[in-house]
Amino acid sequence: MLSASHCGSSKEAAMIGTLNKVMSDPDVIARLRELAIFPVFAPGPAYADVIRRENAAWSLVAKTTGMEPQ
């Protein structure tokens, strides 16, 4: 889940707190895994790091396999 940068810090804090609570619930995680969903909760800068790592990994796959941008 992403939010707009202009949503406001109080709304953002409330959303992060709620998501953190939900993502800490073992029943929620178990149900998501049953659905082959493997969630990663990483607010703000931590999520930016996740995106950078994913981008680097998939860029390497594309380069290694000879994929070309369309």
Protein backbone atom coordinates (compact mmCIF):
# COMPACT_ATOMS: atom_id res chain seq x y z
CA MET A 1 0.00 0.00 0.00
CA LEU A 2 1.33 3.39 -0.94
CA SER A 3 0.10 6.84 0.01
CA ALA A 4 0.44 10.22 -1.58
CA SER A 5 3.14 12.46 -0.16
CA HIS A 6 0.51 15.07 0.66
CA CYS A 7 -1.72 12.81 2.79
CA GLY A 8 -0.40 14.37 6.00
CA SER A 9 1.82 13.08 8.76
CA SER A 10 -1.03 12.29 11.19
CA LYS A 11 -2.86 10.21 8.58
CA GLU A 12 0.38 8.56 7.56
CA ALA A 13 1.26 7.72 11.17
CA ALA A 14 -2.22 6.25 11.74
CA MET A 15 -1.97 4.16 8.58
CA ILE A 16 1.54 2.91 9.44
CA GLY A 17 0.43 2.00 12.96
CA THR A 18 -2.61 0.12 11.68
CA LEU A 19 -0.63 -1.73 9.01
CA ASN A 20 2.06 -2.63 11.51
CA LYS A 21 -0.58 -4.06 13.85
CA VAL A 22 -2.27 -6.05 11.08
CA MET A 23 1.00 -7.33 9.66
CA SER A 24 2.03 -8.52 13.14
CA ASP A 25 -1.04 -10.77 13.41
CA PRO A 26 0.01 -14.40 12.81
CA ASP A 27 -3.50 -15.31 11.61
CA VAL A 28 -3.39 -12.60 8.94
CA ILE A 29 0.05 -13.68 7.78
CA ALA A 30 -1.00 -17.33 7.70
CA ARG A 31 -4.07 -16.54 5.59
CA LEU A 32 -2.08 -14.40 3.16
CA ARG A 33 0.47 -17.19 2.76
CA GLU A 34 -2.36 -19.64 2.00
CA LEU A 35 -3.21 -17.29 -0.86
CA ALA A 36 0.45 -17.27 -2.00
CA ILE A 37 0.85 -13.67 -0.86
CA PHE A 38 4.09 -12.94 0.95
CA PRO A 39 3.74 -9.45 2.39
CA VAL A 40 6.59 -7.18 3.33
CA PHE A 41 5.84 -4.29 5.65
CA ALA A 42 8.44 -1.58 5.31
CA PRO A 43 7.45 2.04 5.94
CA GLY A 44 9.07 4.99 4.19
CA PRO A 45 12.82 4.78 3.59
CA ALA A 46 12.90 1.05 4.33
CA TYR A 47 10.43 0.47 1.51
CA ALA A 48 12.55 2.59 -0.82
CA ASP A 49 15.44 0.22 -0.05
CA VAL A 50 13.22 -2.78 -0.90
CA ILE A 51 12.37 -1.19 -4.26
CA ARG A 52 16.04 -0.42 -5.01
CA ARG A 53 17.06 -4.03 -4.27
CA GLU A 54 14.21 -5.44 -6.38
CA ASN A 55 15.06 -3.10 -9.24
CA ALA A 56 18.72 -4.12 -9.14
CA ALA A 57 17.86 -7.83 -9.01
CA TRP A 58 15.40 -7.71 -11.92
CA SER A 59 17.70 -5.47 -13.96
CA LEU A 60 20.39 -8.14 -13.62
CA VAL A 61 17.92 -10.82 -14.75
CA ALA A 62 16.93 -8.74 -17.78
CA LYS A 63 20.54 -8.02 -18.69
CA THR A 64 21.64 -11.65 -18.20
CA THR A 65 18.85 -13.02 -20.37
CA GLY A 66 19.34 -10.41 -23.09
CA MET A 67 15.92 -8.80 -22.65
CA GLU A 68 15.46 -5.51 -24.43
CA PRO A 69 13.09 -2.70 -23.42
CA GLN A 70 9.95 -2.60 -25.52
